[in-house]
Amino acid sequence: MSTVSALGKQRTPVRPARILLHVFLAGAALAWLAPLLWAMYAAMRPYAETSTKGYVSWPDKLSLDNFTNAFQQSDMLHYFGNTLLVAIPAVLLTLFLSSCVAFYVSRFDFRVNLFLLLVFTAGNLLPQQVIITPLYRLYLLIDLPGITMSGKLYDSALGLVLIHVAFQSGFCAFVLANYMRSLPHELTEAALVDGASVWRLYWQIVLPLCKPAMAALATLLSIWIYNDFFWALVLISTGENMPITSALNNLSGQYFTDPNLVAAGALLTAIPTLIVYFVLQRQFVSGLTLGANKG
């Protein structure tokens, strides 16, 4: 008993380097959280108070009135629906098409498989601002009568879905191809010997093994597409068709803008991305750490 108690009383000495590490991590976390906390603090104060006392002052009143007013004035529920109409099909199509490309270039050997993957990946290296003018003209020229409300690819949810799929597929194909290469080839070879078709090989054998990587990519795609502002601003002209990020402009008046109200609206728009992250958090972390221990 004396030996056990003596061992229990022994403590690992705290090294100065470890203390500095914790101080640095705490400071970095505070630096990342500071803008969010400051926006939340401003959103809970009335504009009349901050215009008189300034934002760096002690509050007289904290309330959720700005959140209620922002939700009602911007018709946020309608624009949330517009965003889901773009984000959900774009995420699903991107994951499906990029997984097909990744499966083909990683599980089959042919001369141009690496070049094909580089072509898909190179699309992410092209700045969006470079192609916006020809893309805008192209969207105006493509007629889709009876398919979109505008009768064209321009000013439609379909146009936003297609451009997100085109720009995000390269990155997803690159990630999934590298992950699929780490899967044992004996699985697919055995299935081919048993007479499995290529589609069954992809759908029932390889794709279920890629669930952690797919979940991680689904989390990233949902956040990226949901937070998009550039494409929606350029390719959507009708206010009612805009997604939530572009619709925040409704909280800004022509001659007056309430920064506290805008901060409350911005915080409300961030809620769905937080929900997606917390729901897929475990799969997201496991997908990022896959292969970390492989030599």
Protein backbone atom coordinates (compact mmCIF):
# COMPACT_ATOMS: atom_id res chain seq x y z
CA MET A 1 0.00 0.00 0.00
CA SER A 2 2.82 2.39 0.82
CA THR A 3 4.43 1.79 -2.58
CA VAL A 4 1.15 2.45 -4.41
CA SER A 5 0.52 5.62 -2.44
CA ALA A 6 4.06 6.81 -3.09
CA LEU A 7 3.65 6.23 -6.82
CA GLY A 8 0.32 8.03 -6.77
CA LYS A 9 1.88 11.08 -5.19
CA GLN A 10 4.53 11.38 -7.89
CA ARG A 11 3.74 14.06 -10.41
CA THR A 12 5.15 14.67 -13.82
CA PRO A 13 7.14 17.90 -13.77
CA VAL A 14 5.62 20.70 -15.82
CA ARG A 15 8.04 21.85 -18.49
CA PRO A 16 8.21 25.53 -19.51
CA ALA A 17 7.82 24.53 -23.16
CA ARG A 18 4.47 22.89 -22.37
CA ILE A 19 3.27 25.98 -20.54
CA LEU A 20 4.22 28.17 -23.51
CA LEU A 21 2.41 25.77 -25.83
CA HIS A 22 -0.81 26.00 -23.81
CA VAL A 23 -0.54 29.78 -23.64
CA PHE A 24 -0.05 29.96 -27.41
CA LEU A 25 -3.01 27.64 -28.09
CA ALA A 26 -5.24 29.61 -25.74
CA GLY A 27 -4.23 32.88 -27.40
CA ALA A 28 -4.81 31.45 -30.89
CA ALA A 29 -8.25 30.15 -29.89
CA LEU A 30 -9.16 33.53 -28.41
CA ALA A 31 -7.96 35.31 -31.56
CA TRP A 32 -10.20 33.10 -33.72
CA LEU A 33 -13.20 33.51 -31.40
CA ALA A 34 -12.80 37.27 -30.84
CA PRO A 35 -14.58 38.42 -34.08
CA LEU A 36 -17.46 36.00 -33.45
CA LEU A 37 -17.86 37.06 -29.83
CA TRP A 38 -17.64 40.73 -30.80
CA ALA A 39 -20.30 40.29 -33.49
CA MET A 40 -22.56 38.52 -31.00
CA TYR A 41 -21.99 41.31 -28.47
CA ALA A 42 -22.88 43.96 -31.05
CA ALA A 43 -25.93 42.02 -32.26
CA MET A 44 -27.40 41.98 -28.76
CA ARG A 45 -27.20 45.78 -28.35
CA PRO A 46 -29.63 48.32 -29.84
CA TYR A 47 -28.25 50.63 -32.51
CA ALA A 48 -29.28 53.76 -30.61
CA GLU A 49 -27.06 52.77 -27.70
CA THR A 50 -23.98 51.96 -29.78
CA SER A 51 -24.35 55.11 -31.89
CA THR A 52 -24.30 57.17 -28.70
CA LYS A 53 -21.78 55.34 -26.52
CA GLY A 54 -19.77 53.51 -29.21
CA TYR A 55 -19.17 49.79 -29.60
CA VAL A 56 -16.34 49.73 -27.05
CA SER A 57 -18.55 50.49 -24.06
CA TRP A 58 -20.48 48.78 -21.29
CA PRO A 59 -24.02 47.83 -22.41
CA ASP A 60 -27.13 49.23 -20.79
CA LYS A 61 -29.36 46.58 -22.34
CA LEU A 62 -28.82 43.21 -24.01
CA SER A 63 -31.65 41.57 -25.93
CA LEU A 64 -32.43 39.30 -28.88
CA ASP A 65 -34.54 41.90 -30.67
CA ASN A 66 -32.02 42.30 -33.50
CA PHE A 67 -32.14 38.57 -34.23
CA THR A 68 -35.93 38.63 -34.42
CA ASN A 69 -35.98 41.73 -36.62
CA ALA A 70 -33.27 40.36 -38.92
CA PHE A 71 -35.14 37.09 -39.38
CA GLN A 72 -38.39 38.86 -40.21
CA GLN A 73 -37.14 41.79 -42.28
CA SER A 74 -34.91 39.73 -44.56
CA ASP A 75 -37.49 36.94 -45.10
CA MET A 76 -34.71 34.60 -44.05
CA LEU A 77 -36.78 31.42 -44.16
CA HIS A 78 -37.43 31.88 -47.89
CA TYR A 79 -33.75 32.40 -48.65
CA PHE A 80 -32.76 29.43 -46.52
CA GLY A 81 -34.95 27.38 -48.85
CA ASN A 82 -33.20 28.86 -51.89
CA THR A 83 -29.83 27.92 -50.42
CA LEU A 84 -30.88 24.34 -49.71
CA LEU A 85 -32.22 24.09 -53.26
CA VAL A 86 -28.68 24.80 -54.48
CA ALA A 87 -26.49 23.23 -51.79
CA ILE A 88 -28.07 19.78 -51.46
CA PRO A 89 -28.07 18.84 -55.18
CA ALA A 90 -24.62 20.40 -55.66
CA VAL A 91 -23.08 18.40 -52.80
CA LEU A 92 -24.67 15.12 -53.89
CA LEU A 93 -23.76 15.56 -57.56
CA THR A 94 -20.21 16.60 -56.75
CA LEU A 95 -19.62 13.60 -54.51
CA PHE A 96 -21.14 11.18 -57.02
CA LEU A 97 -19.31 12.46 -60.11
CA SER A 98 -15.97 12.93 -58.36
CA SER A 99 -16.18 9.45 -56.81
CA CYS A 100 -16.80 7.98 -60.28
CA VAL A 101 -13.73 9.75 -61.64
CA ALA A 102 -11.65 8.77 -58.62
CA PHE A 103 -12.73 5.13 -58.91
CA TYR A 104 -11.81 4.98 -62.58
CA VAL A 105 -8.38 6.58 -62.29
CA SER A 106 -7.40 4.73 -59.11
CA ARG A 107 -8.63 1.19 -59.71
CA PHE A 108 -7.86 0.82 -63.42
CA ASP A 109 -4.43 1.13 -64.99
CA PHE A 110 -4.18 2.96 -68.31
CA ARG A 111 -1.78 5.47 -69.79
CA VAL A 112 -3.64 8.73 -69.25
CA ASN A 113 -5.21 8.08 -65.82
CA LEU A 114 -2.78 10.41 -64.06
CA PHE A 115 -3.20 13.05 -66.75
CA LEU A 116 -6.99 12.79 -66.46
CA LEU A 117 -6.80 13.35 -62.71
CA LEU A 118 -4.51 16.35 -63.24
CA VAL A 119 -7.03 17.85 -65.67
CA PHE A 120 -9.78 17.65 -63.06
CA THR A 121 -7.53 19.04 -60.36
CA ALA A 122 -6.25 21.89 -62.55
CA GLY A 123 -9.73 23.36 -62.69
CA ASN A 124 -9.35 24.41 -59.05
CA LEU A 125 -6.23 26.42 -59.91
CA LEU A 126 -8.16 28.75 -62.23
CA PRO A 127 -9.36 31.92 -60.46
CA GLN A 128 -13.09 32.45 -60.62
CA GLN A 129 -12.71 36.08 -61.67
CA VAL A 130 -10.82 35.04 -64.82
CA ILE A 131 -13.71 33.14 -66.39
CA ILE A 132 -16.65 35.14 -65.06
CA THR A 133 -17.11 37.25 -68.22
CA PRO A 134 -17.25 34.36 -70.76
CA LEU A 135 -19.24 32.27 -68.28
CA TYR A 136 -21.75 35.07 -67.82
CA ARG A 137 -22.17 35.40 -71.60
CA LEU A 138 -22.55 31.63 -71.91
CA TYR A 139 -25.26 31.51 -69.25
CA LEU A 140 -27.19 34.21 -71.11
CA LEU A 141 -26.99 32.27 -74.38
CA ILE A 142 -28.22 28.92 -73.03
CA ASP A 143 -32.02 28.73 -73.28
CA LEU A 144 -33.90 26.32 -71.02
CA PRO A 145 -37.60 27.02 -71.68
CA GLY A 146 -39.89 25.20 -69.31
CA ILE A 147 -37.00 24.03 -67.14
CA THR A 148 -36.06 27.19 -65.27
CA MET A 149 -38.24 30.12 -64.20
CA SER A 150 -36.16 32.57 -66.23
CA GLY A 151 -36.11 30.36 -69.33
CA LYS A 152 -32.31 30.52 -69.36
CA LEU A 153 -29.46 29.00 -67.41
CA TYR A 154 -28.80 32.51 -66.06
CA ASP A 155 -30.76 33.54 -62.97
CA SER A 156 -31.61 29.96 -61.98
CA ALA A 157 -30.76 27.54 -59.19
CA LEU A 158 -29.69 25.03 -61.82
CA GLY A 159 -26.98 27.40 -63.03
CA LEU A 160 -25.55 27.72 -59.52
CA VAL A 161 -25.65 23.96 -58.99
CA LEU A 162 -23.72 23.32 -62.22
CA ILE A 163 -20.99 25.87 -61.53
CA HIS A 164 -20.46 24.54 -58.00
CA VAL A 165 -20.23 20.98 -59.28
CA ALA A 166 -17.74 22.04 -61.96
CA PHE A 167 -15.47 23.90 -59.55
CA GLN A 168 -15.58 21.47 -56.61
CA SER A 169 -15.32 18.15 -58.48
CA GLY A 170 -11.58 18.47 -59.10
CA PHE A 171 -10.63 18.74 -55.44
CA CYS A 172 -12.99 15.92 -54.42
CA ALA A 173 -11.74 13.65 -57.22
CA PHE A 174 -8.14 14.23 -56.11
CA VAL A 175 -8.89 13.43 -52.46
CA LEU A 176 -11.01 10.37 -53.21
CA ALA A 177 -8.53 9.01 -55.76
CA ASN A 178 -5.72 9.12 -53.20
CA TYR A 179 -7.95 7.43 -50.64
CA MET A 180 -9.13 4.72 -53.02
CA ARG A 181 -5.52 3.90 -53.92
CA SER A 182 -4.95 2.96 -50.27
CA LEU A 183 -7.66 0.27 -50.42
CA PRO A 184 -6.42 -3.29 -50.99
CA HIS A 185 -6.54 -4.28 -54.65
CA GLU A 186 -7.32 -7.84 -53.62
CA LEU A 187 -10.90 -6.79 -52.83
CA THR A 188 -11.64 -5.62 -56.35
CA GLU A 189 -9.67 -8.43 -57.97
CA ALA A 190 -11.63 -11.05 -56.02
CA ALA A 191 -14.91 -9.40 -56.97
CA LEU A 192 -13.92 -9.35 -60.65
CA VAL A 193 -13.06 -13.05 -60.50
CA ASP A 194 -16.49 -13.74 -59.00
CA GLY A 195 -18.09 -11.99 -61.97
CA ALA A 196 -18.96 -8.61 -60.45
CA SER A 197 -19.61 -5.82 -62.93
CA VAL A 198 -17.75 -2.52 -62.83
CA TRP A 199 -20.80 -0.72 -61.47
CA ARG A 200 -21.26 -3.28 -58.70
CA LEU A 201 -17.56 -3.06 -57.95
CA TYR A 202 -17.88 0.70 -57.52
CA TRP A 203 -21.27 0.89 -55.78
CA GLN A 204 -21.18 -2.09 -53.41
CA ILE A 205 -17.50 -2.63 -52.67
CA VAL A 206 -15.37 0.51 -53.07
CA LEU A 207 -17.88 3.26 -52.27
CA PRO A 208 -18.97 1.87 -48.85
CA LEU A 209 -15.30 1.79 -47.80
CA CYS A 210 -15.00 5.49 -48.64
CA LYS A 211 -17.67 6.67 -46.19
CA PRO A 212 -15.24 8.51 -43.85
CA ALA A 213 -13.64 10.39 -46.75
CA MET A 214 -17.05 11.11 -48.29
CA ALA A 215 -18.35 12.45 -44.96
CA ALA A 216 -15.35 14.76 -44.59
CA LEU A 217 -15.80 16.07 -48.13
CA ALA A 218 -19.56 16.45 -47.62
CA THR A 219 -18.88 18.66 -44.59
CA LEU A 220 -16.42 20.85 -46.50
CA LEU A 221 -18.64 21.10 -49.58
CA SER A 222 -21.70 22.02 -47.54
CA ILE A 223 -19.83 24.86 -45.86
CA TRP A 224 -18.17 26.11 -49.06
CA ILE A 225 -21.32 26.06 -51.18
CA TYR A 226 -23.53 27.45 -48.43
CA ASN A 227 -21.15 30.37 -47.83
CA ASP A 228 -20.73 31.18 -51.53
CA PHE A 229 -21.32 34.83 -52.35
CA PHE A 230 -19.48 35.45 -55.62
CA TRP A 231 -21.34 33.11 -57.99
CA ALA A 232 -24.75 33.94 -56.56
CA LEU A 233 -24.09 37.66 -56.88
CA VAL A 234 -23.01 37.40 -60.53
CA LEU A 235 -25.28 34.65 -61.87
CA ILE A 236 -28.51 35.58 -60.06
CA SER A 237 -30.33 38.81 -60.84
CA THR A 238 -33.76 38.28 -59.28
CA GLY A 239 -33.80 39.06 -55.57
CA GLU A 240 -36.23 36.27 -54.72
CA ASN A 241 -33.93 33.64 -56.27
CA MET A 242 -30.82 34.59 -54.29
CA PRO A 243 -29.37 32.33 -51.60
CA ILE A 244 -29.08 33.42 -48.00
CA THR A 245 -25.59 34.96 -48.19
CA SER A 246 -26.58 37.34 -50.99
CA ALA A 247 -29.97 38.05 -49.41
CA LEU A 248 -28.29 39.61 -46.37
CA ASN A 249 -28.09 42.71 -48.54
CA ASN A 250 -31.81 43.16 -47.80
CA LEU A 251 -30.85 44.30 -44.31
CA SER A 252 -28.95 47.26 -45.76
CA GLY A 253 -31.00 50.30 -46.69
CA GLN A 254 -30.24 52.81 -49.41
CA TYR A 255 -29.43 55.64 -47.02
CA PHE A 256 -28.99 53.89 -43.68
CA THR A 257 -27.57 50.56 -42.49
CA ASP A 258 -27.88 49.17 -38.99
CA PRO A 259 -24.59 47.29 -38.35
CA ASN A 260 -26.06 45.57 -35.28
CA LEU A 261 -28.94 44.22 -37.36
CA VAL A 262 -26.54 42.99 -40.07
CA ALA A 263 -24.40 41.28 -37.43
CA ALA A 264 -27.47 39.49 -36.08
CA GLY A 265 -28.42 38.37 -39.59
CA ALA A 266 -24.91 37.11 -40.30
CA LEU A 267 -24.90 35.07 -37.09
CA LEU A 268 -28.26 33.54 -37.99
CA THR A 269 -26.97 32.48 -41.40
CA ALA A 270 -24.04 30.69 -39.75
CA ILE A 271 -26.30 28.35 -37.75
CA PRO A 272 -26.88 25.74 -40.54
CA THR A 273 -23.15 25.34 -41.18
CA LEU A 274 -22.57 24.76 -37.47
CA ILE A 275 -25.33 22.15 -37.43
CA VAL A 276 -23.77 20.33 -40.40
CA TYR A 277 -20.35 20.36 -38.77
CA PHE A 278 -21.56 19.08 -35.38
CA VAL A 279 -23.67 16.34 -37.00
CA LEU A 280 -20.75 15.10 -39.13
CA GLN A 281 -17.99 16.04 -36.69
CA ARG A 282 -16.92 12.49 -35.86
CA GLN A 283 -16.86 11.41 -39.51
CA PHE A 284 -15.12 14.63 -40.50
CA VAL A 285 -12.28 14.17 -38.00
CA SER A 286 -11.88 10.47 -38.82
CA GLY A 287 -11.80 11.29 -42.52
CA LEU A 288 -9.05 13.86 -42.03
CA THR A 289 -6.91 11.53 -39.91
CA LEU A 290 -7.19 8.52 -42.22
CA GLY A 291 -3.78 7.29 -43.21
CA ALA A 292 -2.00 9.40 -40.59
CA ASN A 293 -0.48 6.31 -39.00
CA LYS A 294 0.43 4.54 -42.22
CA GLY A 295 4.13 4.31 -42.92
